[in-house]
């Protein structure tokens, strides 16, 4: 038979497990979101470098950088 004290301790243990699980899920979501942000930043940087390379190539072939760039 479970006494009142044991029941309270058991309830506290379940609460601690629930909090740890929620914290773990929150951390997992945070890591996933961070990875997605880093991936998006890498894609944007690659796109910018492609545009810069094309612009530099055009400027070189035309003898200079077009006005406004």
Protein backbone atom coordinates (compact mmCIF):
# COMPACT_ATOMS: atom_id res chain seq x y z
CA UNK A 1 0.00 0.00 0.00
CA UNK A 2 1.25 3.51 -0.85
CA UNK A 3 1.26 6.01 2.00
CA UNK A 4 0.41 9.71 1.55
CA UNK A 5 4.10 10.60 1.73
CA UNK A 6 5.02 8.01 -0.89
CA UNK A 7 2.17 9.19 -3.10
CA UNK A 8 3.44 12.78 -2.91
CA UNK A 9 6.97 11.68 -3.73
CA UNK A 10 5.69 9.62 -6.66
CA UNK A 11 3.70 12.59 -7.95
CA UNK A 12 6.78 14.82 -7.66
CA UNK A 13 8.84 12.27 -9.60
CA UNK A 14 6.25 12.24 -12.40
CA UNK A 15 6.27 16.04 -12.51
CA UNK A 16 10.07 16.03 -12.75
CA UNK A 17 9.94 13.48 -15.59
CA UNK A 18 7.33 15.56 -17.41
CA UNK A 19 9.41 18.74 -17.03
CA UNK A 20 12.56 16.96 -18.23
CA UNK A 21 10.69 15.58 -21.24
CA UNK A 22 9.26 18.97 -22.13
CA UNK A 23 12.68 20.59 -21.69
CA UNK A 24 14.24 17.97 -23.96
CA UNK A 25 11.57 18.49 -26.61
CA UNK A 26 12.02 22.26 -26.37
CA UNK A 27 15.79 21.89 -26.76
CA UNK A 28 15.32 19.58 -29.74
CA UNK A 29 13.00 22.12 -31.37
CA UNK A 30 15.49 24.93 -30.65
CA UNK A 31 18.34 22.97 -32.24
CA UNK A 32 16.18 22.12 -35.25
CA UNK A 33 15.18 25.78 -35.69
CA UNK A 34 18.81 26.90 -35.36
CA UNK A 35 19.95 24.38 -37.97
CA UNK A 36 17.21 25.53 -40.35
CA UNK A 37 18.28 29.17 -39.84
CA UNK A 38 21.93 28.35 -40.50
CA UNK A 39 20.97 26.38 -43.61
CA UNK A 40 18.85 29.29 -44.88
CA UNK A 41 21.70 31.74 -44.24
CA UNK A 42 24.10 29.49 -46.15
CA UNK A 43 21.70 29.35 -49.11
CA UNK A 44 21.33 33.15 -49.13
CA UNK A 45 25.10 33.61 -48.93
CA UNK A 46 25.64 31.21 -51.84
CA UNK A 47 23.03 33.07 -53.91
CA UNK A 48 24.69 36.41 -53.10
CA UNK A 49 28.10 35.07 -54.12
CA UNK A 50 26.68 33.78 -57.41
CA UNK A 51 25.20 37.21 -58.17
CA UNK A 52 28.46 38.93 -57.18
CA UNK A 53 30.45 36.58 -59.41
CA UNK A 54 28.17 37.14 -62.39
CA UNK A 55 28.22 40.91 -61.81
CA UNK A 56 32.02 40.92 -61.59
CA UNK A 57 32.26 38.83 -64.76
CA UNK A 58 29.94 41.18 -66.63
CA UNK A 59 31.84 44.21 -65.38
CA UNK A 60 35.13 42.69 -66.50
CA UNK A 61 33.80 41.77 -69.94
CA UNK A 62 32.32 45.27 -70.40
CA UNK A 63 35.41 47.09 -69.19
CA UNK A 64 33.97 48.34 -65.90
CA UNK A 65 31.24 48.13 -63.31
CA UNK A 66 27.87 49.36 -64.58
CA UNK A 67 26.63 52.59 -62.98
CA UNK A 68 24.57 52.05 -59.86
CA UNK A 69 26.21 48.77 -58.83
